């Protein structure tokens, strides 16, 4: 495990972000169309992250402030105190515990800084690596939605995972 830090995205993160988003290890099981991603889109994403209050994004970095990936709380619903979680780790840092640390840090922000009650995500049923990660990190499986997303003219099932504030203290003990 490294000691990771969540920090504001910087313009100099754009090239590594682009590398990440264009790597088949990342995009092959994701919803976005990697063919539409370019440096300008990464730069725009970073610039938008500085002002968008409904979708919060942070760089996952080490003590040298190097970009290791991105963690997000998207579609923040203040009325229902929920947000969608997103974690993407650069392929050269996969398998090193960085995503687990980022999950712990973002949960802390979600529940103790932003006052959320629940963070959730969905993952394609054929994304075995992500499913194993969320199960290993004690995310609660809430269910399966059949034919939920359309990718390349094919419907895909997704699994919904969540972490609730009421379980957060117990969860912290399980994942440390």
C-alpha atoms as a PDB file:
ATOM      1  CA  UNK A   1       0.000   0.000   0.000  1.00  0.00           C
ATOM      2  CA  UNK A   2       1.101   3.493  -0.786  1.00  0.00           C
ATOM      3  CA  UNK A   3      -0.038   6.534   1.084  1.00  0.00           C
ATOM      4  CA  UNK A   4      -2.297   8.125  -1.459  1.00  0.00           C
ATOM      5  CA  UNK A   5      -3.661  11.648  -1.426  1.00  0.00           C
ATOM      6  CA  UNK A   6      -6.790  12.954  -3.113  1.00  0.00           C
ATOM      7  CA  UNK A   7      -6.027  16.336  -4.643  1.00  0.00           C
ATOM      8  CA  UNK A   8      -7.526  18.722  -7.172  1.00  0.00           C
ATOM      9  CA  UNK A   9      -6.991  17.662 -10.761  1.00  0.00           C
ATOM     10  CA  UNK A  10      -4.264  19.674 -12.497  1.00  0.00           C
ATOM     11  CA  UNK A  11      -3.742  20.473 -16.146  1.00  0.00           C
ATOM     12  CA  UNK A  12      -0.521  18.428 -16.125  1.00  0.00           C
ATOM     13  CA  UNK A  13      -2.618  15.323 -15.298  1.00  0.00           C
ATOM     14  CA  UNK A  14      -4.241  15.415 -18.747  1.00  0.00           C
ATOM     15  CA  UNK A  15      -1.667  13.319 -20.626  1.00  0.00           C
ATOM     16  CA  UNK A  16      -1.584  10.527 -18.024  1.00  0.00           C
ATOM     17  CA  UNK A  17      -5.380  10.650 -17.813  1.00  0.00           C
ATOM     18  CA  UNK A  18      -5.539  10.216 -21.581  1.00  0.00           C
ATOM     19  CA  UNK A  19      -3.118   7.258 -21.454  1.00  0.00           C
ATOM     20  CA  UNK A  20      -5.314   5.707 -18.823  1.00  0.00           C
ATOM     21  CA  UNK A  21      -8.571   6.205 -20.720  1.00  0.00           C
ATOM     22  CA  UNK A  22      -7.098   4.796 -23.944  1.00  0.00           C
ATOM     23  CA  UNK A  23      -5.724   1.646 -22.328  1.00  0.00           C
ATOM     24  CA  UNK A  24      -7.775  -1.496 -23.104  1.00  0.00           C
ATOM     25  CA  UNK A  25      -7.418  -2.620 -19.456  1.00  0.00           C
ATOM     26  CA  UNK A  26      -9.491   0.436 -18.552  1.00  0.00           C
ATOM     27  CA  UNK A  27     -11.935   0.992 -21.396  1.00  0.00           C
ATOM     28  CA  UNK A  28     -12.781  -2.582 -22.400  1.00  0.00           C
ATOM     29  CA  UNK A  29     -15.390  -2.962 -19.648  1.00  0.00           C
ATOM     30  CA  UNK A  30     -16.455   0.668 -19.322  1.00  0.00           C
ATOM     31  CA  UNK A  31     -19.410   2.454 -20.855  1.00  0.00           C
ATOM     32  CA  UNK A  32     -17.649   5.358 -22.586  1.00  0.00           C
ATOM     33  CA  UNK A  33     -16.496   5.236 -26.198  1.00  0.00           C
ATOM     34  CA  UNK A  34     -12.698   5.351 -26.009  1.00  0.00           C
ATOM     35  CA  UNK A  35     -12.494   6.347 -29.683  1.00  0.00           C
ATOM     36  CA  UNK A  36     -13.984   9.736 -28.760  1.00  0.00           C
ATOM     37  CA  UNK A  37     -11.435  10.472 -26.011  1.00  0.00           C
ATOM     38  CA  UNK A  38      -8.585  12.849 -26.833  1.00  0.00           C
ATOM     39  CA  UNK A  39      -6.347  15.299 -25.000  1.00  0.00           C
ATOM     40  CA  UNK A  40      -8.814  18.166 -25.460  1.00  0.00           C
ATOM     41  CA  UNK A  41     -11.574  16.128 -23.773  1.00  0.00           C
ATOM     42  CA  UNK A  42      -9.270  15.333 -20.849  1.00  0.00           C
ATOM     43  CA  UNK A  43      -8.365  19.010 -20.511  1.00  0.00           C
ATOM     44  CA  UNK A  44     -12.034  19.985 -20.617  1.00  0.00           C
ATOM     45  CA  UNK A  45     -12.836  17.347 -17.977  1.00  0.00           C
ATOM     46  CA  UNK A  46     -10.134  18.761 -15.699  1.00  0.00           C
ATOM     47  CA  UNK A  47     -11.296  22.363 -16.211  1.00  0.00           C
ATOM     48  CA  UNK A  48     -14.924  21.392 -15.505  1.00  0.00           C
ATOM     49  CA  UNK A  49     -13.845  19.577 -12.335  1.00  0.00           C
ATOM     50  CA  UNK A  50     -12.801  22.893 -10.828  1.00  0.00           C
ATOM     51  CA  UNK A  51     -16.328  24.371 -10.890  1.00  0.00           C
ATOM     52  CA  UNK A  52     -18.876  21.550 -11.178  1.00  0.00           C
ATOM     53  CA  UNK A  53     -20.550  21.078  -7.782  1.00  0.00           C
ATOM     54  CA  UNK A  54     -22.785  18.175  -8.856  1.00  0.00           C
ATOM     55  CA  UNK A  55     -19.872  16.033 -10.048  1.00  0.00           C
ATOM     56  CA  UNK A  56     -16.747  16.159  -7.901  1.00  0.00           C
ATOM     57  CA  UNK A  57     -13.494  14.681  -9.195  1.00  0.00           C
ATOM     58  CA  UNK A  58     -10.093  14.309  -7.545  1.00  0.00           C
ATOM     59  CA  UNK A  59      -6.741  13.034  -8.723  1.00  0.00           C
ATOM     60  CA  UNK A  60      -5.448  10.031  -6.854  1.00  0.00           C
ATOM     61  CA  UNK A  61      -1.811  10.900  -6.227  1.00  0.00           C
ATOM     62  CA  UNK A  62       1.171   9.892  -4.153  1.00  0.00           C
ATOM     63  CA  UNK A  63       3.281  12.059  -1.866  1.00  0.00           C
ATOM     64  CA  UNK A  64       5.147  13.349  -4.957  1.00  0.00           C
ATOM     65  CA  UNK A  65       1.773  14.565  -6.328  1.00  0.00           C
ATOM     66  CA  UNK A  66       2.042  12.186  -9.315  1.00  0.00           C
ATOM     67  CA  UNK A  67      -1.237  11.315 -11.049  1.00  0.00           C
ATOM     68  CA  UNK A  68      -2.235   7.690 -10.320  1.00  0.00           C
ATOM     69  CA  UNK A  69      -5.892   7.874 -11.347  1.00  0.00           C
ATOM     70  CA  UNK A  70      -9.178   9.660 -10.729  1.00  0.00           C
ATOM     71  CA  UNK A  71     -11.868   9.195  -8.108  1.00  0.00           C
ATOM     72  CA  UNK A  72     -15.282  10.830  -8.415  1.00  0.00           C
ATOM     73  CA  UNK A  73     -18.579  11.453  -6.693  1.00  0.00           C
ATOM     74  CA  UNK A  74     -21.003  12.054  -9.564  1.00  0.00           C
ATOM     75  CA  UNK A  75     -24.663  12.952  -9.799  1.00  0.00           C
ATOM     76  CA  UNK A  76     -24.643  14.268  -6.249  1.00  0.00           C
ATOM     77  CA  UNK A  77     -28.222  14.428  -5.039  1.00  0.00           C
ATOM     78  CA  UNK A  78     -28.323  16.719  -2.013  1.00  0.00           C
ATOM     79  CA  UNK A  79     -32.036  16.072  -1.418  1.00  0.00           C
ATOM     80  CA  UNK A  80     -31.491  12.322  -1.064  1.00  0.00           C
ATOM     81  CA  UNK A  81     -27.878  12.603   0.160  1.00  0.00           C
ATOM     82  CA  UNK A  82     -26.531  10.181  -2.448  1.00  0.00           C
ATOM     83  CA  UNK A  83     -23.800  10.151  -5.072  1.00  0.00           C
ATOM     84  CA  UNK A  84     -22.466   7.798  -7.700  1.00  0.00           C
ATOM     85  CA  UNK A  85     -18.921   6.606  -7.074  1.00  0.00           C
ATOM     86  CA  UNK A  86     -16.280   6.276  -9.781  1.00  0.00           C
ATOM     87  CA  UNK A  87     -12.691   5.076  -9.501  1.00  0.00           C
ATOM     88  CA  UNK A  88     -10.207   4.712 -12.349  1.00  0.00           C
ATOM     89  CA  UNK A  89      -6.577   3.799 -11.662  1.00  0.00           C
ATOM     90  CA  UNK A  90      -3.868   4.184 -14.300  1.00  0.00           C
ATOM     91  CA  UNK A  91      -2.931   0.691 -15.559  1.00  0.00           C
ATOM     92  CA  UNK A  92       0.695   0.988 -14.423  1.00  0.00           C
ATOM     93  CA  UNK A  93      -0.597   1.299 -10.834  1.00  0.00           C
ATOM     94  CA  UNK A  94      -3.265  -1.427 -10.935  1.00  0.00           C
ATOM     95  CA  UNK A  95      -2.936  -4.228  -8.404  1.00  0.00           C
ATOM     96  CA  UNK A  96      -1.040  -2.136  -5.851  1.00  0.00           C
ATOM     97  CA  UNK A  97      -3.882  -1.339  -3.442  1.00  0.00           C
ATOM     98  CA  UNK A  98      -4.306   2.213  -4.719  1.00  0.00           C
ATOM     99  CA  UNK A  99      -7.987   1.813  -5.623  1.00  0.00           C
ATOM    100  CA  UNK A 100      -8.725   0.392  -2.149  1.00  0.00           C
ATOM    101  CA  UNK A 101      -7.040   3.358  -0.492  1.00  0.00           C
ATOM    102  CA  UNK A 102      -8.872   5.775  -2.807  1.00  0.00           C
ATOM    103  CA  UNK A 103     -12.176   4.091  -1.910  1.00  0.00           C
ATOM    104  CA  UNK A 104     -11.462   4.622   1.780  1.00  0.00           C
ATOM    105  CA  UNK A 105     -10.539   8.281   1.211  1.00  0.00           C
ATOM    106  CA  UNK A 106     -13.591   9.032  -0.937  1.00  0.00           C
ATOM    107  CA  UNK A 107     -15.908   7.337   1.567  1.00  0.00           C
ATOM    108  CA  UNK A 108     -14.465   9.580   4.280  1.00  0.00           C
ATOM    109  CA  UNK A 109     -15.154  12.663   2.130  1.00  0.00           C
ATOM    110  CA  UNK A 110     -18.636  11.473   1.183  1.00  0.00           C
ATOM    111  CA  UNK A 111     -19.854  10.741   4.686  1.00  0.00           C
ATOM    112  CA  UNK A 112     -17.890  13.105   6.915  1.00  0.00           C
ATOM    113  CA  UNK A 113     -17.284  16.148   4.704  1.00  0.00           C
ATOM    114  CA  UNK A 114     -20.238  16.141   2.305  1.00  0.00           C
ATOM    115  CA  UNK A 115     -22.810  14.634   4.684  1.00  0.00           C
ATOM    116  CA  UNK A 116     -23.974  11.971   2.230  1.00  0.00           C
ATOM    117  CA  UNK A 117     -25.970   8.958   3.344  1.00  0.00           C
ATOM    118  CA  UNK A 118     -25.067   6.588   0.506  1.00  0.00           C
ATOM    119  CA  UNK A 119     -22.546   6.182  -2.289  1.00  0.00           C
ATOM    120  CA  UNK A 120     -23.324   3.716  -5.052  1.00  0.00           C
ATOM    121  CA  UNK A 121     -22.075   2.467  -8.384  1.00  0.00           C
ATOM    122  CA  UNK A 122     -22.985   0.076 -11.101  1.00  0.00           C
ATOM    123  CA  UNK A 123     -20.625  -2.227 -12.918  1.00  0.00           C
ATOM    124  CA  UNK A 124     -21.136  -4.395 -15.975  1.00  0.00           C
ATOM    125  CA  UNK A 125     -21.750  -8.044 -15.074  1.00  0.00           C
ATOM    126  CA  UNK A 126     -18.888  -9.085 -17.359  1.00  0.00           C
ATOM    127  CA  UNK A 127     -16.357  -6.866 -15.538  1.00  0.00           C
ATOM    128  CA  UNK A 128     -14.983  -9.608 -13.290  1.00  0.00           C
ATOM    129  CA  UNK A 129     -12.011  -7.555 -12.094  1.00  0.00           C
ATOM    130  CA  UNK A 130     -14.189  -4.673 -10.859  1.00  0.00           C
ATOM    131  CA  UNK A 131     -16.757  -7.013  -9.281  1.00  0.00           C
ATOM    132  CA  UNK A 132     -13.989  -8.841  -7.395  1.00  0.00           C
ATOM    133  CA  UNK A 133     -12.586  -5.474  -6.256  1.00  0.00           C
ATOM    134  CA  UNK A 134     -15.911  -4.202  -4.887  1.00  0.00           C
ATOM    135  CA  UNK A 135     -16.656  -7.507  -3.149  1.00  0.00           C
ATOM    136  CA  UNK A 136     -13.142  -7.633  -1.649  1.00  0.00           C
ATOM    137  CA  UNK A 137     -13.651  -4.091  -0.396  1.00  0.00           C
ATOM    138  CA  UNK A 138     -16.917  -5.016   1.310  1.00  0.00           C
ATOM    139  CA  UNK A 139     -19.235  -2.979  -0.899  1.00  0.00           C
ATOM    140  CA  UNK A 140     -22.817  -4.142  -0.468  1.00  0.00           C
ATOM    141  CA  UNK A 141     -24.322  -5.829  -3.537  1.00  0.00           C
ATOM    142  CA  UNK A 142     -27.795  -4.336  -3.926  1.00  0.00           C
ATOM    143  CA  UNK A 143     -28.936  -6.142  -7.048  1.00  0.00           C
ATOM    144  CA  UNK A 144     -28.767  -6.708 -10.764  1.00  0.00           C
ATOM    145  CA  UNK A 145     -30.411  -4.624 -13.459  1.00  0.00           C
ATOM    146  CA  UNK A 146     -30.999  -6.602 -16.646  1.00  0.00           C
ATOM    147  CA  UNK A 147     -30.360  -4.954 -20.039  1.00  0.00           C
ATOM    148  CA  UNK A 148     -29.543  -1.715 -18.242  1.00  0.00           C
ATOM    149  CA  UNK A 149     -27.023  -0.173 -20.619  1.00  0.00           C
ATOM    150  CA  UNK A 150     -26.594  -0.276 -24.374  1.00  0.00           C
ATOM    151  CA  UNK A 151     -23.024  -0.683 -25.628  1.00  0.00           C
ATOM    152  CA  UNK A 152     -22.260  -1.172 -29.320  1.00  0.00           C
ATOM    153  CA  UNK A 153     -25.900  -2.056 -29.978  1.00  0.00           C
ATOM    154  CA  UNK A 154     -25.857  -4.764 -27.296  1.00  0.00           C
ATOM    155  CA  UNK A 155     -27.676  -4.542 -23.970  1.00  0.00           C
ATOM    156  CA  UNK A 156     -25.597  -5.309 -20.886  1.00  0.00           C
ATOM    157  CA  UNK A 157     -26.629  -6.282 -17.381  1.00  0.00           C
ATOM    158  CA  UNK A 158     -25.145  -4.370 -14.446  1.00  0.00           C
ATOM    159  CA  UNK A 159     -24.659  -5.034 -10.762  1.00  0.00           C
ATOM    160  CA  UNK A 160     -25.373  -2.268  -8.254  1.00  0.00           C
ATOM    161  CA  UNK A 161     -23.055  -1.864  -5.262  1.00  0.00           C
ATOM    162  CA  UNK A 162     -23.327   0.634  -2.415  1.00  0.00           C
ATOM    163  CA  UNK A 163     -21.924   1.795   0.870  1.00  0.00           C
ATOM    164  CA  UNK A 164     -24.275   3.419   3.373  1.00  0.00           C
ATOM    165  CA  UNK A 165     -23.364   5.790   6.166  1.00  0.00           C
ATOM    166  CA  UNK A 166     -25.083   3.486   8.671  1.00  0.00           C
ATOM    167  CA  UNK A 167     -22.551   0.766   7.772  1.00  0.00           C
ATOM    168  CA  UNK A 168     -19.553   3.066   7.394  1.00  0.00           C
ATOM    169  CA  UNK A 169     -17.948   2.580  10.831  1.00  0.00           C
ATOM    170  CA  UNK A 170     -18.198  -1.204  10.549  1.00  0.00           C
ATOM    171  CA  UNK A 171     -16.980  -1.062   6.935  1.00  0.00           C
ATOM    172  CA  UNK A 172     -13.845   0.898   7.940  1.00  0.00           C
ATOM    173  CA  UNK A 173     -12.886  -1.924  10.324  1.00  0.00           C
ATOM    174  CA  UNK A 174     -13.370  -4.555   7.626  1.00  0.00           C
ATOM    175  CA  UNK A 175     -11.283  -2.875   4.925  1.00  0.00           C
ATOM    176  CA  UNK A 176      -8.288  -1.712   6.984  1.00  0.00           C
END
